[in-house]
Amino acid sequence: MRSSKELLGARIKEIRKSCGLSQEQLAELVGIEQKHVSRLEVGKNAPTIDRLEKIAAALNVPMGSFFDSGNQEANAERAAKIERMVRELDEDYQRIILKFSQILKEFNEK
């Protein structure tokens, strides 16, 4: 059975990868060394609450996301992923996505 540190580390890694970040990029955003990110992800070290808050901010997810061990993405993660994808599109496609989202919202409210 995996320890709590290992489960937390695996979740951090999963979210980091879903954000398209390398360990080096996350380390830079958080202000730590890459080897520390590696130790966190394999469960050798556990982050402090302050460090976990920084990691959550860097990954643009709520801290609770690290404790969601289900297979489904948390709503905030999914929204962040969609936002990143839309940002990469040109303005015309962004307008199409916005219009489509408005239609879906109206349909959902009925």
PDB file of N, CA and C in Angstrom:
ATOM      1  N   MET A   1       0.844  -1.182   0.000  1.00  0.00           N
ATOM      2  CA  MET A   1       0.000   0.000   0.000  1.00  0.00           C
ATOM      3  C   MET A   1       0.890   1.247   0.000  1.00  0.00           C
ATOM      4  N   ARG A   2       0.515   2.221  -0.828  1.00  0.00           N
ATOM      5  CA  ARG A   2       1.310   3.439  -0.950  1.00  0.00           C
ATOM      6  C   ARG A   2       1.060   4.365   0.232  1.00  0.00           C
ATOM      7  N   SER A   3       2.131   5.044   0.648  1.00  0.00           N
ATOM      8  CA  SER A   3       2.024   5.981   1.764  1.00  0.00           C
ATOM      9  C   SER A   3       1.307   7.254   1.322  1.00  0.00           C
ATOM     10  N   SER A   4       0.905   8.047   2.283  1.00  0.00           N
ATOM     11  CA  SER A   4       0.241   9.325   1.992  1.00  0.00           C
ATOM     12  C   SER A   4       1.166  10.239   1.201  1.00  0.00           C
ATOM     13  N   LYS A   5       2.454  10.235   1.539  1.00  0.00           N
ATOM     14  CA  LYS A   5       3.417  11.056   0.796  1.00  0.00           C
ATOM     15  C   LYS A   5       3.502  10.612  -0.658  1.00  0.00           C
ATOM     16  N   GLU A   6       3.493   9.305  -0.874  1.00  0.00           N
ATOM     17  CA  GLU A   6       3.565   8.790  -2.248  1.00  0.00           C
ATOM     18  C   GLU A   6       2.300   9.137  -3.036  1.00  0.00           C
ATOM     19  N   LEU A   7       1.141   9.018  -2.391  1.00  0.00           N
ATOM     20  CA  LEU A   7      -0.111   9.358  -3.064  1.00  0.00           C
ATOM     21  C   LEU A   7      -0.172  10.844  -3.411  1.00  0.00           C
ATOM     22  N   LEU A   8       0.257  11.686  -2.471  1.00  0.00           N
ATOM     23  CA  LEU A   8       0.281  13.124  -2.718  1.00  0.00           C
ATOM     24  C   LEU A   8       1.256  13.446  -3.842  1.00  0.00           C
ATOM     25  N   GLY A   9       2.425  12.864  -3.802  1.00  0.00           N
ATOM     26  CA  GLY A   9       3.426  13.096  -4.853  1.00  0.00           C
ATOM     27  C   GLY A   9       2.941  12.674  -6.225  1.00  0.00           C
ATOM     28  N   ALA A  10       2.284  11.524  -6.282  1.00  0.00           N
ATOM     29  CA  ALA A  10       1.752  11.046  -7.561  1.00  0.00           C
ATOM     30  C   ALA A  10       0.682  11.995  -8.094  1.00  0.00           C
ATOM     31  N   ARG A  11      -0.110  12.537  -7.201  1.00  0.00           N
ATOM     32  CA  ARG A  11      -1.169  13.478  -7.617  1.00  0.00           C
ATOM     33  C   ARG A  11      -0.556  14.784  -8.124  1.00  0.00           C
ATOM     34  N   ILE A  12       0.471  15.273  -7.443  1.00  0.00           N
ATOM     35  CA  ILE A  12       1.164  16.482  -7.908  1.00  0.00           C
ATOM     36  C   ILE A  12       1.721  16.235  -9.311  1.00  0.00           C
ATOM     37  N   LYS A  13       2.345  15.093  -9.501  1.00  0.00           N
ATOM     38  CA  LYS A  13       2.918  14.746 -10.813  1.00  0.00           C
ATOM     39  C   LYS A  13       1.832  14.686 -11.879  1.00  0.00           C
ATOM     40  N   GLU A  14       0.723  14.038 -11.550  1.00  0.00           N
ATOM     41  CA  GLU A  14      -0.389  13.907 -12.501  1.00  0.00           C
ATOM     42  C   GLU A  14      -0.903  15.285 -12.928  1.00  0.00           C
ATOM     43  N   ILE A  15      -1.099  16.162 -11.973  1.00  0.00           N
ATOM     44  CA  ILE A  15      -1.611  17.504 -12.281  1.00  0.00           C
ATOM     45  C   ILE A  15      -0.566  18.294 -13.059  1.00  0.00           C
ATOM     46  N   ARG A  16       0.697  18.193 -12.649  1.00  0.00           N
ATOM     47  CA  ARG A  16       1.771  18.902 -13.357  1.00  0.00           C
ATOM     48  C   ARG A  16       1.802  18.496 -14.822  1.00  0.00           C
ATOM     49  N   LYS A  17       1.720  17.190 -15.069  1.00  0.00           N
ATOM     50  CA  LYS A  17       1.744  16.699 -16.451  1.00  0.00           C
ATOM     51  C   LYS A  17       0.511  17.149 -17.226  1.00  0.00           C
ATOM     52  N   SER A  18      -0.653  17.166 -16.572  1.00  0.00           N
ATOM     53  CA  SER A  18      -1.866  17.611 -17.271  1.00  0.00           C
ATOM     54  C   SER A  18      -1.785  19.092 -17.628  1.00  0.00           C
ATOM     55  N   CYS A  19      -0.942  19.828 -16.912  1.00  0.00           N
ATOM     56  CA  CYS A  19      -0.716  21.250 -17.214  1.00  0.00           C
ATOM     57  C   CYS A  19       0.360  21.431 -18.276  1.00  0.00           C
ATOM     58  N   GLY A  20       0.994  20.341 -18.670  1.00  0.00           N
ATOM     59  CA  GLY A  20       2.032  20.421 -19.693  1.00  0.00           C
ATOM     60  C   GLY A  20       3.338  21.019 -19.191  1.00  0.00           C
ATOM     61  N   LEU A  21       3.607  20.875 -17.899  1.00  0.00           N
ATOM     62  CA  LEU A  21       4.828  21.433 -17.328  1.00  0.00           C
ATOM     63  C   LEU A  21       5.838  20.335 -17.020  1.00  0.00           C
ATOM     64  N   SER A  22       7.107  20.665 -17.175  1.00  0.00           N
ATOM     65  CA  SER A  22       8.171  19.763 -16.758  1.00  0.00           C
ATOM     66  C   SER A  22       8.446  20.005 -15.276  1.00  0.00           C
ATOM     67  N   GLN A  23       9.211  19.109 -14.678  1.00  0.00           N
ATOM     68  CA  GLN A  23       9.604  19.316 -13.292  1.00  0.00           C
ATOM     69  C   GLN A  23      10.411  20.609 -13.153  1.00  0.00           C
ATOM     70  N   GLU A  24      11.261  20.872 -14.136  1.00  0.00           N
ATOM     71  CA  GLU A  24      12.073  22.086 -14.102  1.00  0.00           C
ATOM     72  C   GLU A  24      11.199  23.335 -14.129  1.00  0.00           C
ATOM     73  N   GLN A  25      10.181  23.326 -14.978  1.00  0.00           N
ATOM     74  CA  GLN A  25       9.295  24.489 -15.076  1.00  0.00           C
ATOM     75  C   GLN A  25       8.519  24.705 -13.783  1.00  0.00           C
ATOM     76  N   LEU A  26       8.011  23.624 -13.200  1.00  0.00           N
ATOM     77  CA  LEU A  26       7.290  23.747 -11.931  1.00  0.00           C
ATOM     78  C   LEU A  26       8.229  24.257 -10.845  1.00  0.00           C
ATOM     79  N   ALA A  27       9.430  23.716 -10.798  1.00  0.00           N
ATOM     80  CA  ALA A  27      10.405  24.144  -9.795  1.00  0.00           C
ATOM     81  C   ALA A  27      10.664  25.646  -9.907  1.00  0.00           C
ATOM     82  N   GLU A  28      10.809  26.117 -11.120  1.00  0.00           N
ATOM     83  CA  GLU A  28      11.060  27.551 -11.325  1.00  0.00           C
ATOM     84  C   GLU A  28       9.876  28.391 -10.857  1.00  0.00           C
ATOM     85  N   LEU A  29       8.665  27.937 -11.168  1.00  0.00           N
ATOM     86  CA  LEU A  29       7.472  28.677 -10.756  1.00  0.00           C
ATOM     87  C   LEU A  29       7.313  28.727  -9.238  1.00  0.00           C
ATOM     88  N   VAL A  30       7.717  27.652  -8.585  1.00  0.00           N
ATOM     89  CA  VAL A  30       7.550  27.540  -7.136  1.00  0.00           C
ATOM     90  C   VAL A  30       8.744  28.136  -6.382  1.00  0.00           C
ATOM     91  N   GLY A  31       9.889  28.219  -7.066  1.00  0.00           N
ATOM     92  CA  GLY A  31      11.084  28.754  -6.416  1.00  0.00           C
ATOM     93  C   GLY A  31      11.871  27.715  -5.653  1.00  0.00           C
ATOM     94  N   ILE A  32      11.892  26.490  -6.193  1.00  0.00           N
ATOM     95  CA  ILE A  32      12.657  25.408  -5.576  1.00  0.00           C
ATOM     96  C   ILE A  32      13.486  24.730  -6.657  1.00  0.00           C
ATOM     97  N   GLU A  33      14.352  23.817  -6.249  1.00  0.00           N
ATOM     98  CA  GLU A  33      15.168  23.084  -7.207  1.00  0.00           C
ATOM     99  C   GLU A  33      14.377  21.934  -7.823  1.00  0.00           C
ATOM    100  N   GLN A  34      14.730  21.569  -9.033  1.00  0.00           N
ATOM    101  CA  GLN A  34      14.052  20.477  -9.747  1.00  0.00           C
ATOM    102  C   GLN A  34      14.145  19.187  -8.961  1.00  0.00           C
ATOM    103  N   LYS A  35      15.283  18.927  -8.334  1.00  0.00           N
ATOM    104  CA  LYS A  35      15.432  17.671  -7.580  1.00  0.00           C
ATOM    105  C   LYS A  35      14.450  17.607  -6.410  1.00  0.00           C
ATOM    106  N   HIS A  36      14.069  18.767  -5.875  1.00  0.00           N
ATOM    107  CA  HIS A  36      13.084  18.770  -4.793  1.00  0.00           C
ATOM    108  C   HIS A  36      11.703  18.380  -5.335  1.00  0.00           C
ATOM    109  N   VAL A  37      11.373  18.875  -6.529  1.00  0.00           N
ATOM    110  CA  VAL A  37      10.103  18.479  -7.162  1.00  0.00           C
ATOM    111  C   VAL A  37      10.104  16.970  -7.376  1.00  0.00           C
ATOM    112  N   SER A  38      11.215  16.441  -7.849  1.00  0.00           N
ATOM    113  CA  SER A  38      11.325  14.992  -8.069  1.00  0.00           C
ATOM    114  C   SER A  38      11.102  14.223  -6.771  1.00  0.00           C
ATOM    115  N   ARG A  39      11.712  14.679  -5.688  1.00  0.00           N
ATOM    116  CA  ARG A  39      11.551  13.996  -4.391  1.00  0.00           C
ATOM    117  C   ARG A  39      10.111  14.062  -3.893  1.00  0.00           C
ATOM    118  N   LEU A  40       9.449  15.203  -4.145  1.00  0.00           N
ATOM    119  CA  LEU A  40       8.037  15.321  -3.770  1.00  0.00           C
ATOM    120  C   LEU A  40       7.185  14.334  -4.560  1.00  0.00           C
ATOM    121  N   GLU A  41       7.440  14.269  -5.861  1.00  0.00           N
ATOM    122  CA  GLU A  41       6.604  13.439  -6.732  1.00  0.00           C
ATOM    123  C   GLU A  41       6.752  11.942  -6.477  1.00  0.00           C
ATOM    124  N   VAL A  42       7.894  11.516  -6.011  1.00  0.00           N
ATOM    125  CA  VAL A  42       8.058  10.086  -5.708  1.00  0.00           C
ATOM    126  C   VAL A  42       7.736   9.763  -4.255  1.00  0.00           C
ATOM    127  N   GLY A  43       7.422  10.780  -3.473  1.00  0.00           N
ATOM    128  CA  GLY A  43       7.016  10.550  -2.091  1.00  0.00           C
ATOM    129  C   GLY A  43       8.149  10.433  -1.106  1.00  0.00           C
ATOM    130  N   LYS A  44       9.354  10.844  -1.503  1.00  0.00           N
ATOM    131  CA  LYS A  44      10.479  10.828  -0.553  1.00  0.00           C
ATOM    132  C   LYS A  44      10.362  11.976   0.436  1.00  0.00           C
ATOM    133  N   ASN A  45       9.857  13.104  -0.028  1.00  0.00           N
ATOM    134  CA  ASN A  45       9.636  14.276   0.821  1.00  0.00           C
ATOM    135  C   ASN A  45       8.167  14.662   0.756  1.00  0.00           C
ATOM    136  N   ALA A  46       7.715  15.335   1.788  1.00  0.00           N
ATOM    137  CA  ALA A  46       6.347  15.877   1.800  1.00  0.00           C
ATOM    138  C   ALA A  46       6.455  17.402   1.848  1.00  0.00           C
ATOM    139  N   PRO A  47       5.634  18.089   1.077  1.00  0.00           N
ATOM    140  CA  PRO A  47       5.710  19.552   1.086  1.00  0.00           C
ATOM    141  C   PRO A  47       5.072  20.131   2.350  1.00  0.00           C
ATOM    142  N   THR A  48       5.556  21.296   2.750  1.00  0.00           N
ATOM    143  CA  THR A  48       4.886  22.024   3.821  1.00  0.00           C
ATOM    144  C   THR A  48       3.581  22.579   3.238  1.00  0.00           C
ATOM    145  N   ILE A  49       2.706  23.037   4.097  1.00  0.00           N
ATOM    146  CA  ILE A  49       1.454  23.638   3.624  1.00  0.00           C
ATOM    147  C   ILE A  49       1.756  24.854   2.754  1.00  0.00           C
ATOM    148  N   ASP A  50       2.721  25.674   3.175  1.00  0.00           N
ATOM    149  CA  ASP A  50       3.092  26.852   2.388  1.00  0.00           C
ATOM    150  C   ASP A  50       3.587  26.456   0.997  1.00  0.00           C
ATOM    151  N   ARG A  51       4.413  25.424   0.948  1.00  0.00           N
ATOM    152  CA  ARG A  51       4.940  24.976  -0.346  1.00  0.00           C
ATOM    153  C   ARG A  51       3.821  24.387  -1.196  1.00  0.00           C
ATOM    154  N   LEU A  52       2.917  23.645  -0.582  1.00  0.00           N
ATOM    155  CA  LEU A  52       1.801  23.068  -1.319  1.00  0.00           C
ATOM    156  C   LEU A  52       0.907  24.173  -1.894  1.00  0.00           C
ATOM    157  N   GLU A  53       0.733  25.253  -1.143  1.00  0.00           N
ATOM    158  CA  GLU A  53      -0.029  26.400  -1.662  1.00  0.00           C
ATOM    159  C   GLU A  53       0.654  26.996  -2.882  1.00  0.00           C
ATOM    160  N   LYS A  54       1.985  27.100  -2.851  1.00  0.00           N
ATOM    161  CA  LYS A  54       2.736  27.637  -3.990  1.00  0.00           C
ATOM    162  C   LYS A  54       2.615  26.715  -5.203  1.00  0.00           C
ATOM    163  N   ILE A  55       2.665  25.419  -4.952  1.00  0.00           N
ATOM    164  CA  ILE A  55       2.535  24.452  -6.049  1.00  0.00           C
ATOM    165  C   ILE A  55       1.139  24.555  -6.659  1.00  0.00           C
ATOM    166  N   ALA A  56       0.131  24.642  -5.810  1.00  0.00           N
ATOM    167  CA  ALA A  56      -1.251  24.777  -6.300  1.00  0.00           C
ATOM    168  C   ALA A  56      -1.396  26.049  -7.137  1.00  0.00           C
ATOM    169  N   ALA A  57      -0.828  27.146  -6.667  1.00  0.00           N
ATOM    170  CA  ALA A  57      -0.908  28.408  -7.415  1.00  0.00           C
ATOM    171  C   ALA A  57      -0.184  28.288  -8.749  1.00  0.00           C
ATOM    172  N   ALA A  58       0.983  27.647  -8.746  1.00  0.00           N
ATOM    173  CA  ALA A  58       1.752  27.478  -9.985  1.00  0.00           C
ATOM    174  C   ALA A  58       0.995  26.627 -10.996  1.00  0.00           C
ATOM    175  N   LEU A  59       0.247  25.636 -10.496  1.00  0.00           N
ATOM    176  CA  LEU A  59      -0.515  24.743 -11.376  1.00  0.00           C
ATOM    177  C   LEU A  59      -1.935  25.254 -11.638  1.00  0.00           C
ATOM    178  N   ASN A  60      -2.273  26.360 -10.984  1.00  0.00           N
ATOM    179  CA  ASN A  60      -3.591  26.984 -11.156  1.00  0.00           C
ATOM    180  C   ASN A  60      -4.727  26.028 -10.792  1.00  0.00           C
ATOM    181  N   VAL A  61      -4.566  25.352  -9.647  1.00  0.00           N
ATOM    182  CA  VAL A  61      -5.602  24.441  -9.150  1.00  0.00           C
ATOM    183  C   VAL A  61      -5.809  24.704  -7.657  1.00  0.00           C
ATOM    184  N   PRO A  62      -6.983  24.394  -7.127  1.00  0.00           N
ATOM    185  CA  PRO A  62      -7.168  24.513  -5.674  1.00  0.00           C
ATOM    186  C   PRO A  62      -6.368  23.423  -4.966  1.00  0.00           C
ATOM    187  N   MET A  63      -5.956  23.694  -3.741  1.00  0.00           N
ATOM    188  CA  MET A  63      -5.160  22.711  -2.990  1.00  0.00           C
ATOM    189  C   MET A  63      -5.885  21.379  -2.843  1.00  0.00           C
ATOM    190  N   GLY A  64      -7.198  21.419  -2.766  1.00  0.00           N
ATOM    191  CA  GLY A  64      -7.968  20.188  -2.637  1.00  0.00           C
ATOM    192  C   GLY A  64      -7.761  19.224  -3.784  1.00  0.00           C
ATOM    193  N   SER A  65      -7.333  19.740  -4.929  1.00  0.00           N
ATOM    194  CA  SER A  65      -7.087  18.884  -6.094  1.00  0.00           C
ATOM    195  C   SER A  65      -6.028  17.826  -5.820  1.00  0.00           C
ATOM    196  N   PHE A  66      -5.109  18.123  -4.911  1.00  0.00           N
ATOM    197  CA  PHE A  66      -4.046  17.167  -4.610  1.00  0.00           C
ATOM    198  C   PHE A  66      -4.556  15.976  -3.815  1.00  0.00           C
ATOM    199  N   PHE A  67      -5.738  16.120  -3.242  1.00  0.00           N
ATOM    200  CA  PHE A  67      -6.288  15.059  -2.412  1.00  0.00           C
ATOM    201  C   PHE A  67      -7.459  14.352  -3.071  1.00  0.00           C
ATOM    202  N   ASP A  68      -7.731  14.701  -4.315  1.00  0.00           N
ATOM    203  CA  ASP A  68      -8.778  14.057  -5.107  1.00  0.00           C
ATOM    204  C   ASP A  68      -8.131  12.894  -5.844  1.00  0.00           C
ATOM    205  N   SER A  69      -8.278  11.707  -5.314  1.00  0.00           N
ATOM    206  CA  SER A  69      -7.603  10.560  -5.910  1.00  0.00           C
ATOM    207  C   SER A  69      -8.454   9.836  -6.945  1.00  0.00           C
ATOM    208  N   GLY A  70      -9.626  10.377  -7.248  1.00  0.00           N
ATOM    209  CA  GLY A  70     -10.482   9.754  -8.249  1.00  0.00           C
ATOM    210  C   GLY A  70      -9.893   9.873  -9.634  1.00  0.00           C
ATOM    211  N   ASN A  71     -10.458   9.152 -10.574  1.00  0.00           N
ATOM    212  CA  ASN A  71      -9.961   9.189 -11.947  1.00  0.00           C
ATOM    213  C   ASN A  71     -10.455  10.405 -12.720  1.00  0.00           C
ATOM    214  N   GLN A  72     -11.505  11.045 -12.253  1.00  0.00           N
ATOM    215  CA  GLN A  72     -12.031  12.198 -12.964  1.00  0.00           C
ATOM    216  C   GLN A  72     -11.246  13.437 -12.596  1.00  0.00           C
ATOM    217  N   GLU A  73     -11.079  14.316 -13.587  1.00  0.00           N
ATOM    218  CA  GLU A  73     -10.410  15.585 -13.307  1.00  0.00           C
ATOM    219  C   GLU A  73     -11.325  16.442 -12.454  1.00  0.00           C
ATOM    220  N   ALA A  74     -10.734  17.170 -11.527  1.00  0.00           N
ATOM    221  CA  ALA A  74     -11.517  18.114 -10.733  1.00  0.00           C
ATOM    222  C   ALA A  74     -11.985  19.229 -11.654  1.00  0.00           C
ATOM    223  N   ASN A  75     -13.110  19.850 -11.307  1.00  0.00           N
ATOM    224  CA  ASN A  75     -13.651  20.921 -12.137  1.00  0.00           C
ATOM    225  C   ASN A  75     -12.642  22.018 -12.392  1.00  0.00           C
ATOM    226  N   ALA A  76     -11.918  22.416 -11.380  1.00  0.00           N
ATOM    227  CA  ALA A  76     -10.945  23.503 -11.545  1.00  0.00           C
ATOM    228  C   ALA A  76      -9.824  23.110 -12.505  1.00  0.00           C
ATOM    229  N   GLU A  77      -9.389  21.861 -12.420  1.00  0.00           N
ATOM    230  CA  GLU A  77      -8.346  21.388 -13.340  1.00  0.00           C
ATOM    231  C   GLU A  77      -8.852  21.405 -14.769  1.00  0.00           C
ATOM    232  N   ARG A  78     -10.058  20.917 -14.945  1.00  0.00           N
ATOM    233  CA  ARG A  78     -10.642  20.864 -16.282  1.00  0.00           C
ATOM    234  C   ARG A  78     -10.788  22.268 -16.850  1.00  0.00           C
ATOM    235  N   ALA A  79     -11.269  23.199 -16.026  1.00  0.00           N
ATOM    236  CA  ALA A  79     -11.440  24.578 -16.475  1.00  0.00           C
ATOM    237  C   ALA A  79     -10.087  25.196 -16.831  1.00  0.00           C
ATOM    238  N   ALA A  80      -9.070  24.922 -16.028  1.00  0.00           N
ATOM    239  CA  ALA A  80      -7.734  25.457 -16.302  1.00  0.00           C
ATOM    240  C   ALA A  80      -7.180  24.890 -17.603  1.00  0.00           C
ATOM    241  N   LYS A  81      -7.432  23.615 -17.835  1.00  0.00           N
ATOM    242  CA  LYS A  81      -6.960  22.976 -19.064  1.00  0.00           C
ATOM    243  C   LYS A  81      -7.645  23.593 -20.285  1.00  0.00           C
ATOM    244  N   ILE A  82      -8.953  23.807 -20.184  1.00  0.00           N
ATOM    245  CA  ILE A  82      -9.694  24.429 -21.278  1.00  0.00           C
ATOM    246  C   ILE A  82      -9.178  25.839 -21.527  1.00  0.00           C
ATOM    247  N   GLU A  83      -8.967  26.574 -20.448  1.00  0.00           N
ATOM    248  CA  GLU A  83      -8.470  27.952 -20.573  1.00  0.00           C
ATOM    249  C   GLU A  83      -7.122  27.989 -21.280  1.00  0.00           C
ATOM    250  N   ARG A  84      -6.207  27.092 -20.906  1.00  0.00           N
ATOM    251  CA  ARG A  84      -4.889  27.049 -21.557  1.00  0.00           C
ATOM    252  C   ARG A  84      -5.028  26.741 -23.041  1.00  0.00           C
ATOM    253  N   MET A  85      -5.911  25.816 -23.376  1.00  0.00           N
ATOM    254  CA  MET A  85      -6.098  25.448 -24.774  1.00  0.00           C
ATOM    255  C   MET A  85      -6.664  26.615 -25.575  1.00  0.00           C
ATOM    256  N   VAL A  86      -7.634  27.306 -25.014  1.00  0.00           N
ATOM    257  CA  VAL A  86      -8.263  28.419 -25.719  1.00  0.00           C
ATOM    258  C   VAL A  86      -7.269  29.556 -25.924  1.00  0.00           C
ATOM    259  N   ARG A  87      -6.429  29.800 -24.938  1.00  0.00           N
ATOM    260  CA  ARG A  87      -5.424  30.864 -25.062  1.00  0.00           C
ATOM    261  C   ARG A  87      -4.494  30.646 -26.240  1.00  0.00           C
ATOM    262  N   GLU A  88      -4.265  29.385 -26.592  1.00  0.00           N
ATOM    263  CA  GLU A  88      -3.353  29.065 -27.683  1.00  0.00           C
ATOM    264  C   GLU A  88      -3.995  29.252 -29.062  1.00  0.00           C
ATOM    265  N   LEU A  89      -5.303  29.437 -29.110  1.00  0.00           N
ATOM    266  CA  LEU A  89      -6.001  29.619 -30.378  1.00  0.00           C
ATOM    267  C   LEU A  89      -5.946  31.066 -30.826  1.00  0.00           C
ATOM    268  N   ASP A  90      -6.104  31.278 -32.143  1.00  0.00           N
ATOM    269  CA  ASP A  90      -6.165  32.661 -32.610  1.00  0.00           C
ATOM    270  C   ASP A  90      -7.531  33.253 -32.269  1.00  0.00           C
ATOM    271  N   GLU A  91      -7.660  34.568 -32.446  1.00  0.00           N
ATOM    272  CA  GLU A  91      -8.871  35.276 -32.012  1.00  0.00           C
ATOM    273  C   GLU A  91     -10.146  34.748 -32.661  1.00  0.00           C
ATOM    274  N   ASP A  92     -10.098  34.400 -33.928  1.00  0.00           N
ATOM    275  CA  ASP A  92     -11.303  33.900 -34.595  1.00  0.00           C
ATOM    276  C   ASP A  92     -11.818  32.621 -33.936  1.00  0.00           C
ATOM    277  N   TYR A  93     -10.899  31.711 -33.640  1.00  0.00           N
ATOM    278  CA  TYR A  93     -11.304  30.470 -32.983  1.00  0.00           C
ATOM    279  C   TYR A  93     -11.772  30.735 -31.549  1.00  0.00           C
ATOM    280  N   GLN A  94     -11.152  31.695 -30.880  1.00  0.00           N
ATOM    281  CA  GLN A  94     -11.595  32.045 -29.530  1.00  0.00           C
ATOM    282  C   GLN A  94     -13.033  32.557 -29.553  1.00  0.00           C
ATOM    283  N   ARG A  95     -13.365  33.360 -30.558  1.00  0.00           N
ATOM    284  CA  ARG A  95     -14.740  33.871 -30.687  1.00  0.00           C
ATOM    285  C   ARG A  95     -15.723  32.719 -30.925  1.00  0.00           C
ATOM    286  N   ILE A  96     -15.312  31.763 -31.736  1.00  0.00           N
ATOM    287  CA  ILE A  96     -16.167  30.593 -32.007  1.00  0.00           C
ATOM    288  C   ILE A  96     -16.394  29.802 -30.719  1.00  0.00           C
ATOM    289  N   ILE A  97     -15.319  29.585 -29.965  1.00  0.00           N
ATOM    290  CA  ILE A  97     -15.423  28.853 -28.699  1.00  0.00           C
ATOM    291  C   ILE A  97     -16.339  29.592 -27.731  1.00  0.00           C
ATOM    292  N   LEU A  98     -16.215  30.922 -27.667  1.00  0.00           N
ATOM    293  CA  LEU A  98     -17.066  31.720 -26.783  1.00  0.00           C
ATOM    294  C   LEU A  98     -18.531  31.574 -27.180  1.00  0.00           C
ATOM    295  N   LYS A  99     -18.814  31.683 -28.452  1.00  0.00           N
ATOM    296  CA  LYS A  99     -20.195  31.561 -28.942  1.00  0.00           C
ATOM    297  C   LYS A  99     -20.744  30.165 -28.620  1.00  0.00           C
ATOM    298  N   PHE A 100     -19.948  29.159 -28.884  1.00  0.00           N
ATOM    299  CA  PHE A 100     -20.346  27.786 -28.616  1.00  0.00           C
ATOM    300  C   PHE A 100     -20.612  27.590 -27.121  1.00  0.00           C
ATOM    301  N   SER A 101     -19.762  28.158 -26.277  1.00  0.00           N
ATOM    302  CA  SER A 101     -19.937  28.048 -24.824  1.00  0.00           C
ATOM    303  C   SER A 101     -21.228  28.716 -24.373  1.00  0.00           C
ATOM    304  N   GLN A 102     -21.543  29.855 -24.975  1.00  0.00           N
ATOM    305  CA  GLN A 102     -22.783  30.544 -24.633  1.00  0.00           C
ATOM    306  C   GLN A 102     -23.999  29.704 -25.013  1.00  0.00           C
ATOM    307  N   ILE A 103     -23.937  29.065 -26.161  1.00  0.00           N
ATOM    308  CA  ILE A 103     -25.031  28.192 -26.614  1.00  0.00           C
ATOM    309  C   ILE A 103     -25.181  27.015 -25.639  1.00  0.00           C
ATOM    310  N   LEU A 104     -24.083  26.401 -25.263  1.00  0.00           N
ATOM    311  CA  LEU A 104     -24.136  25.278 -24.316  1.00  0.00           C
ATOM    312  C   LEU A 104     -24.705  25.713 -22.966  1.00  0.00           C
ATOM    313  N   LYS A 105     -24.301  26.881 -22.514  1.00  0.00           N
ATOM    314  CA  LYS A 105     -24.805  27.390 -21.238  1.00  0.00           C
ATOM    315  C   LYS A 105     -26.316  27.581 -21.303  1.00  0.00           C
ATOM    316  N   GLU A 106     -26.809  28.186 -22.396  1.00  0.00           N
ATOM    317  CA  GLU A 106     -28.255  28.387 -22.561  1.00  0.00           C
ATOM    318  C   GLU A 106     -28.976  27.060 -22.612  1.00  0.00           C
ATOM    319  N   PHE A 107     -28.403  26.097 -23.332  1.00  0.00           N
ATOM    320  CA  PHE A 107     -29.018  24.778 -23.439  1.00  0.00           C
ATOM    321  C   PHE A 107     -29.071  24.106 -22.069  1.00  0.00           C
ATOM    322  N   ASN A 108     -28.018  24.262 -21.295  1.00  0.00           N
ATOM    323  CA  ASN A 108     -27.931  23.647 -19.969  1.00  0.00           C
ATOM    324  C   ASN A 108     -28.928  24.264 -18.996  1.00  0.00           C
ATOM    325  N   GLU A 109     -29.252  25.538 -19.189  1.00  0.00           N
ATOM    326  CA  GLU A 109     -30.176  26.226 -18.285  1.00  0.00           C
ATOM    327  C   GLU A 109     -31.636  25.892 -18.555  1.00  0.00           C
ATOM    328  N   LYS A 110     -31.915  25.259 -19.684  1.00  0.00           N
ATOM    329  CA  LYS A 110     -33.306  24.915 -20.028  1.00  0.00           C
ATOM    330  C   LYS A 110     -33.763  23.688 -19.323  1.00  0.00           C
TER     331      LYS A 110
END
